[in-house]
Amino acid sequence: MSSDLALIMALPNESKGLFEQAGVEVHYSGIGKVNAAFKAFEVIQKTGCKTLLNLGTAGSSYFDAHELVEVTQYVQRDMDVSPLGFDVGVTPVDTDYPAEINLDGFFAHLNKGTCGTGDNFETGTPKVACNLVDMEGYALAKVCKKLGVRLISVKYITDGANDTAHLDWEENLLLGAKKLLELYKTIKSKKGWRP
């Protein structure tokens, strides 16, 4: 694999050791936006990568369970300064970046989605418009934008972001890891791959 590409996932649970068994180096961020931002910055500085590939899991009441969805837009579902007159998702006084961070699509065969990132395990309807939810992606996207690094992000839908989400997430991790590894392998064979 090109050294211009680095792979980041939130937790070893999301890879189930399958990536390491296949000889793929994975950088794990830990849970949440702060951990994700720190790790993304560290990985980019350490590897000099031009593309950061984020593979992981997400909940969705819109997409089918077990589907792979490429994220082409990230929003913050837990940034809420609405009592001061700001829309939910908008970070006050952050004029460099809008509330939405857009990504270029990479996988033509995958459905595209808007992912709402927040520091909570979502089991209801987010306050911002999005059709899948995670806990790290917006932070990864913002760090990449600030550093001029491309982010490609694909999520395996483990659960319906509902009251059984915590059970479904755990139950579906192994299948998700298998599907994400197969997707990763397609990058190697993609003709004309450019970071």
C-alpha atoms as a PDB file:
ATOM      1  CA  MET A   1       0.000   0.000   0.000  1.00  0.00           C
ATOM      2  CA  SER A   2       1.201   3.473  -0.752  1.00  0.00           C
ATOM      3  CA  SER A   3       2.838   5.211   2.191  1.00  0.00           C
ATOM      4  CA  ASP A   4       0.792   8.259   1.158  1.00  0.00           C
ATOM      5  CA  LEU A   5      -2.250   6.549   2.692  1.00  0.00           C
ATOM      6  CA  ALA A   6      -2.810   6.009   6.415  1.00  0.00           C
ATOM      7  CA  LEU A   7      -5.705   4.066   7.937  1.00  0.00           C
ATOM      8  CA  ILE A   8      -7.464   5.259  11.081  1.00  0.00           C
ATOM      9  CA  MET A   9     -10.230   3.522  13.024  1.00  0.00           C
ATOM     10  CA  ALA A  10     -11.717   4.335  16.419  1.00  0.00           C
ATOM     11  CA  LEU A  11     -11.288   1.015  18.228  1.00  0.00           C
ATOM     12  CA  PRO A  12      -9.618  -2.381  17.840  1.00  0.00           C
ATOM     13  CA  ASN A  13     -13.158  -3.788  18.251  1.00  0.00           C
ATOM     14  CA  GLU A  14     -13.959  -2.332  14.828  1.00  0.00           C
ATOM     15  CA  SER A  15     -11.168  -4.267  13.108  1.00  0.00           C
ATOM     16  CA  LYS A  16     -11.350  -7.439  15.228  1.00  0.00           C
ATOM     17  CA  GLY A  17      -7.652  -8.024  14.476  1.00  0.00           C
ATOM     18  CA  LEU A  18      -8.446  -8.868  10.838  1.00  0.00           C
ATOM     19  CA  PHE A  19      -6.525  -5.909   9.410  1.00  0.00           C
ATOM     20  CA  GLU A  20      -3.431  -6.731  11.433  1.00  0.00           C
ATOM     21  CA  GLN A  21      -3.665 -10.390  10.373  1.00  0.00           C
ATOM     22  CA  ALA A  22      -3.667  -9.136   6.769  1.00  0.00           C
ATOM     23  CA  GLY A  23      -0.536  -7.066   7.423  1.00  0.00           C
ATOM     24  CA  VAL A  24      -2.360  -3.709   7.403  1.00  0.00           C
ATOM     25  CA  GLU A  25      -1.213  -1.036   9.825  1.00  0.00           C
ATOM     26  CA  VAL A  26      -4.130   0.545  11.678  1.00  0.00           C
ATOM     27  CA  HIS A  27      -3.971   3.680  13.792  1.00  0.00           C
ATOM     28  CA  TYR A  28      -6.604   3.653  16.551  1.00  0.00           C
ATOM     29  CA  SER A  29      -7.910   6.988  17.797  1.00  0.00           C
ATOM     30  CA  GLY A  30     -10.033   5.979  20.756  1.00  0.00           C
ATOM     31  CA  ILE A  31     -13.596   7.175  21.254  1.00  0.00           C
ATOM     32  CA  GLY A  32     -14.806  10.732  20.758  1.00  0.00           C
ATOM     33  CA  LYS A  33     -13.896  13.925  18.949  1.00  0.00           C
ATOM     34  CA  VAL A  34     -10.967  14.990  21.140  1.00  0.00           C
ATOM     35  CA  ASN A  35      -9.222  11.626  20.837  1.00  0.00           C
ATOM     36  CA  ALA A  36      -9.923  11.511  17.098  1.00  0.00           C
ATOM     37  CA  ALA A  37      -8.551  14.995  16.477  1.00  0.00           C
ATOM     38  CA  PHE A  38      -5.388  14.322  18.450  1.00  0.00           C
ATOM     39  CA  LYS A  39      -4.721  10.987  16.757  1.00  0.00           C
ATOM     40  CA  ALA A  40      -5.436  12.312  13.261  1.00  0.00           C
ATOM     41  CA  PHE A  41      -2.953  15.141  13.785  1.00  0.00           C
ATOM     42  CA  GLU A  42      -0.370  12.715  15.180  1.00  0.00           C
ATOM     43  CA  VAL A  43      -0.780  10.228  12.310  1.00  0.00           C
ATOM     44  CA  ILE A  44      -0.563  12.910   9.623  1.00  0.00           C
ATOM     45  CA  GLN A  45       2.563  14.400  11.199  1.00  0.00           C
ATOM     46  CA  LYS A  46       4.203  10.998  11.712  1.00  0.00           C
ATOM     47  CA  THR A  47       3.427   9.414   8.328  1.00  0.00           C
ATOM     48  CA  GLY A  48       3.289  12.428   6.037  1.00  0.00           C
ATOM     49  CA  CYS A  49       0.219  10.843   4.424  1.00  0.00           C
ATOM     50  CA  LYS A  50      -1.654  12.731   1.721  1.00  0.00           C
ATOM     51  CA  THR A  51      -4.843  10.731   2.377  1.00  0.00           C
ATOM     52  CA  LEU A  52      -6.291   9.582   5.673  1.00  0.00           C
ATOM     53  CA  LEU A  53      -8.678   6.654   5.280  1.00  0.00           C
ATOM     54  CA  ASN A  54     -11.253   6.307   8.038  1.00  0.00           C
ATOM     55  CA  LEU A  55     -13.067   2.989   8.250  1.00  0.00           C
ATOM     56  CA  GLY A  56     -15.470   2.333  11.076  1.00  0.00           C
ATOM     57  CA  THR A  57     -18.983   1.789  12.301  1.00  0.00           C
ATOM     58  CA  ALA A  58     -22.048   3.986  12.490  1.00  0.00           C
ATOM     59  CA  GLY A  59     -25.693   3.876  13.417  1.00  0.00           C
ATOM     60  CA  SER A  60     -28.484   4.828  11.044  1.00  0.00           C
ATOM     61  CA  SER A  61     -32.253   4.744  10.898  1.00  0.00           C
ATOM     62  CA  TYR A  62     -32.014   5.608   7.184  1.00  0.00           C
ATOM     63  CA  PHE A  63     -29.519   3.110   5.720  1.00  0.00           C
ATOM     64  CA  ASP A  64     -29.887  -0.650   6.051  1.00  0.00           C
ATOM     65  CA  ALA A  65     -27.951  -2.542   8.705  1.00  0.00           C
ATOM     66  CA  HIS A  66     -24.771  -4.169   7.307  1.00  0.00           C
ATOM     67  CA  GLU A  67     -24.528  -1.603   4.487  1.00  0.00           C
ATOM     68  CA  LEU A  68     -21.271   0.215   3.712  1.00  0.00           C
ATOM     69  CA  VAL A  69     -21.861   3.956   3.303  1.00  0.00           C
ATOM     70  CA  GLU A  70     -19.318   6.513   2.148  1.00  0.00           C
ATOM     71  CA  VAL A  71     -19.528   9.744   4.103  1.00  0.00           C
ATOM     72  CA  THR A  72     -19.417  12.799   1.848  1.00  0.00           C
ATOM     73  CA  GLN A  73     -20.444  15.322   4.505  1.00  0.00           C
ATOM     74  CA  TYR A  74     -19.822  15.625   8.239  1.00  0.00           C
ATOM     75  CA  VAL A  75     -21.766  17.750  10.734  1.00  0.00           C
ATOM     76  CA  GLN A  76     -21.584  18.101  14.521  1.00  0.00           C
ATOM     77  CA  ARG A  77     -24.764  16.856  16.148  1.00  0.00           C
ATOM     78  CA  ASP A  78     -23.667  17.826  19.668  1.00  0.00           C
ATOM     79  CA  MET A  79     -22.507  21.418  19.037  1.00  0.00           C
ATOM     80  CA  ASP A  80     -25.460  23.316  20.454  1.00  0.00           C
ATOM     81  CA  VAL A  81     -25.079  26.999  21.230  1.00  0.00           C
ATOM     82  CA  SER A  82     -28.649  27.736  20.167  1.00  0.00           C
ATOM     83  CA  PRO A  83     -29.460  29.738  23.340  1.00  0.00           C
ATOM     84  CA  LEU A  84     -27.029  32.361  21.969  1.00  0.00           C
ATOM     85  CA  GLY A  85     -28.761  32.433  18.584  1.00  0.00           C
ATOM     86  CA  PHE A  86     -26.592  29.979  16.642  1.00  0.00           C
ATOM     87  CA  ASP A  87     -27.976  27.061  14.668  1.00  0.00           C
ATOM     88  CA  VAL A  88     -27.307  23.630  16.139  1.00  0.00           C
ATOM     89  CA  GLY A  89     -24.088  22.306  14.610  1.00  0.00           C
ATOM     90  CA  VAL A  90     -22.472  25.722  14.209  1.00  0.00           C
ATOM     91  CA  THR A  91     -19.321  26.464  16.213  1.00  0.00           C
ATOM     92  CA  PRO A  92     -19.424  30.150  17.215  1.00  0.00           C
ATOM     93  CA  VAL A  93     -16.575  32.388  16.016  1.00  0.00           C
ATOM     94  CA  ASP A  94     -15.173  29.602  13.802  1.00  0.00           C
ATOM     95  CA  THR A  95     -15.111  31.503  10.527  1.00  0.00           C
ATOM     96  CA  ASP A  96     -12.594  29.223   8.777  1.00  0.00           C
ATOM     97  CA  TYR A  97     -14.996  26.313   8.337  1.00  0.00           C
ATOM     98  CA  PRO A  98     -18.745  26.091   7.908  1.00  0.00           C
ATOM     99  CA  ALA A  99     -20.877  23.823  10.047  1.00  0.00           C
ATOM    100  CA  GLU A 100     -20.741  21.181   7.287  1.00  0.00           C
ATOM    101  CA  ILE A 101     -17.472  19.681   6.070  1.00  0.00           C
ATOM    102  CA  ASN A 102     -17.748  18.156   2.605  1.00  0.00           C
ATOM    103  CA  LEU A 103     -15.593  15.296   1.325  1.00  0.00           C
ATOM    104  CA  ASP A 104     -14.986  14.148  -2.238  1.00  0.00           C
ATOM    105  CA  GLY A 105     -16.470  10.751  -2.992  1.00  0.00           C
ATOM    106  CA  PHE A 106     -14.069   7.934  -3.820  1.00  0.00           C
ATOM    107  CA  PHE A 107     -16.117   4.728  -4.082  1.00  0.00           C
ATOM    108  CA  ALA A 108     -18.593   5.043  -6.959  1.00  0.00           C
ATOM    109  CA  HIS A 109     -20.488   1.883  -5.954  1.00  0.00           C
ATOM    110  CA  LEU A 110     -21.297   2.957  -2.386  1.00  0.00           C
ATOM    111  CA  ASN A 111     -24.273   4.994  -1.219  1.00  0.00           C
ATOM    112  CA  LYS A 112     -23.302   8.435   0.108  1.00  0.00           C
ATOM    113  CA  GLY A 113     -24.337   9.891   3.432  1.00  0.00           C
ATOM    114  CA  THR A 114     -24.174  12.841   5.800  1.00  0.00           C
ATOM    115  CA  CYS A 115     -22.769  11.771   9.160  1.00  0.00           C
ATOM    116  CA  GLY A 116     -23.538  13.554  12.405  1.00  0.00           C
ATOM    117  CA  THR A 117     -20.669  13.290  14.870  1.00  0.00           C
ATOM    118  CA  GLY A 118     -21.112  13.740  18.597  1.00  0.00           C
ATOM    119  CA  ASP A 119     -19.641  12.745  21.926  1.00  0.00           C
ATOM    120  CA  ASN A 120     -22.585  10.542  22.830  1.00  0.00           C
ATOM    121  CA  PHE A 121     -23.902   7.182  21.651  1.00  0.00           C
ATOM    122  CA  GLU A 122     -26.948   8.344  19.701  1.00  0.00           C
ATOM    123  CA  THR A 123     -30.172   6.406  20.250  1.00  0.00           C
ATOM    124  CA  GLY A 124     -32.667   8.964  18.995  1.00  0.00           C
ATOM    125  CA  THR A 125     -33.167  11.638  16.359  1.00  0.00           C
ATOM    126  CA  PRO A 126     -30.213  14.049  16.078  1.00  0.00           C
ATOM    127  CA  LYS A 127     -30.833  17.799  16.233  1.00  0.00           C
ATOM    128  CA  VAL A 128     -29.034  18.310  12.899  1.00  0.00           C
ATOM    129  CA  ALA A 129     -29.859  16.899   9.480  1.00  0.00           C
ATOM    130  CA  CYS A 130     -27.889  13.681   8.952  1.00  0.00           C
ATOM    131  CA  ASN A 131     -28.618  10.102   7.977  1.00  0.00           C
ATOM    132  CA  LEU A 132     -25.958   8.275   9.990  1.00  0.00           C
ATOM    133  CA  VAL A 133     -24.169   8.952  13.268  1.00  0.00           C
ATOM    134  CA  ASP A 134     -20.722   8.353  14.713  1.00  0.00           C
ATOM    135  CA  MET A 135     -18.463   9.748  17.447  1.00  0.00           C
ATOM    136  CA  GLU A 136     -15.214  10.692  15.655  1.00  0.00           C
ATOM    137  CA  GLY A 137     -15.647  11.600  11.981  1.00  0.00           C
ATOM    138  CA  TYR A 138     -16.243  15.365  12.127  1.00  0.00           C
ATOM    139  CA  ALA A 139     -13.035  15.801  14.112  1.00  0.00           C
ATOM    140  CA  LEU A 140     -11.063  13.753  11.582  1.00  0.00           C
ATOM    141  CA  ALA A 141     -12.547  15.799   8.735  1.00  0.00           C
ATOM    142  CA  LYS A 142     -11.719  19.130  10.360  1.00  0.00           C
ATOM    143  CA  VAL A 143      -8.110  18.185  11.111  1.00  0.00           C
ATOM    144  CA  CYS A 144      -7.663  16.934   7.549  1.00  0.00           C
ATOM    145  CA  LYS A 145      -9.129  20.133   6.092  1.00  0.00           C
ATOM    146  CA  LYS A 146      -6.877  22.281   8.250  1.00  0.00           C
ATOM    147  CA  LEU A 147      -3.771  20.321   7.233  1.00  0.00           C
ATOM    148  CA  GLY A 148      -4.642  19.929   3.536  1.00  0.00           C
ATOM    149  CA  VAL A 149      -4.990  16.135   3.737  1.00  0.00           C
ATOM    150  CA  ARG A 150      -7.707  14.224   1.892  1.00  0.00           C
ATOM    151  CA  LEU A 151     -10.117  12.228   4.059  1.00  0.00           C
ATOM    152  CA  ILE A 152     -11.968   9.206   2.707  1.00  0.00           C
ATOM    153  CA  SER A 153     -14.478   7.829   5.184  1.00  0.00           C
ATOM    154  CA  VAL A 154     -16.594   4.677   4.951  1.00  0.00           C
ATOM    155  CA  LYS A 155     -18.917   3.445   7.680  1.00  0.00           C
ATOM    156  CA  TYR A 156     -20.418   0.010   8.217  1.00  0.00           C
ATOM    157  CA  ILE A 157     -23.973   0.379   9.560  1.00  0.00           C
ATOM    158  CA  THR A 158     -24.155  -1.730  12.715  1.00  0.00           C
ATOM    159  CA  ASP A 159     -27.402  -0.499  14.208  1.00  0.00           C
ATOM    160  CA  GLY A 160     -30.492   1.635  13.813  1.00  0.00           C
ATOM    161  CA  ALA A 161     -29.390   4.376  16.244  1.00  0.00           C
ATOM    162  CA  ASN A 162     -32.304   3.371  18.461  1.00  0.00           C
ATOM    163  CA  ASP A 163     -32.885   1.860  21.900  1.00  0.00           C
ATOM    164  CA  THR A 164     -31.229  -1.474  20.936  1.00  0.00           C
ATOM    165  CA  ALA A 165     -28.243   0.195  19.246  1.00  0.00           C
ATOM    166  CA  HIS A 166     -25.749  -0.777  21.953  1.00  0.00           C
ATOM    167  CA  LEU A 167     -26.637  -4.470  21.549  1.00  0.00           C
ATOM    168  CA  ASP A 168     -26.707  -4.413  17.747  1.00  0.00           C
ATOM    169  CA  TRP A 169     -23.367  -2.567  17.553  1.00  0.00           C
ATOM    170  CA  GLU A 170     -21.534  -5.233  19.535  1.00  0.00           C
ATOM    171  CA  GLU A 171     -23.212  -8.109  17.708  1.00  0.00           C
ATOM    172  CA  ASN A 172     -22.341  -6.806  14.230  1.00  0.00           C
ATOM    173  CA  LEU A 173     -18.700  -5.796  14.696  1.00  0.00           C
ATOM    174  CA  LEU A 174     -17.110  -8.948  13.241  1.00  0.00           C
ATOM    175  CA  LEU A 175     -19.187  -8.886  10.071  1.00  0.00           C
ATOM    176  CA  GLY A 176     -18.423  -5.184   9.739  1.00  0.00           C
ATOM    177  CA  ALA A 177     -14.675  -5.779  10.085  1.00  0.00           C
ATOM    178  CA  LYS A 178     -14.809  -8.400   7.325  1.00  0.00           C
ATOM    179  CA  LYS A 179     -16.678  -6.097   4.954  1.00  0.00           C
ATOM    180  CA  LEU A 180     -14.392  -3.136   5.701  1.00  0.00           C
ATOM    181  CA  LEU A 181     -11.270  -5.243   5.103  1.00  0.00           C
ATOM    182  CA  GLU A 182     -12.611  -6.401   1.725  1.00  0.00           C
ATOM    183  CA  LEU A 183     -13.279  -2.779   0.805  1.00  0.00           C
ATOM    184  CA  TYR A 184      -9.777  -1.807   1.889  1.00  0.00           C
ATOM    185  CA  LYS A 185      -8.312  -4.465  -0.396  1.00  0.00           C
ATOM    186  CA  THR A 186     -10.119  -2.933  -3.377  1.00  0.00           C
ATOM    187  CA  ILE A 187      -8.128   0.274  -2.942  1.00  0.00           C
ATOM    188  CA  LYS A 188      -4.931  -1.622  -3.720  1.00  0.00           C
ATOM    189  CA  SER A 189      -6.332  -2.810  -7.014  1.00  0.00           C
ATOM    190  CA  LYS A 190      -7.974   0.487  -7.979  1.00  0.00           C
ATOM    191  CA  LYS A 191      -6.443   1.636 -11.230  1.00  0.00           C
ATOM    192  CA  GLY A 192      -5.136   5.151 -11.161  1.00  0.00           C
ATOM    193  CA  TRP A 193      -5.198   5.405  -7.351  1.00  0.00           C
ATOM    194  CA  ARG A 194      -3.862   8.779  -6.361  1.00  0.00           C
ATOM    195  CA  PRO A 195      -3.719   9.973  -2.781  1.00  0.00           C
END
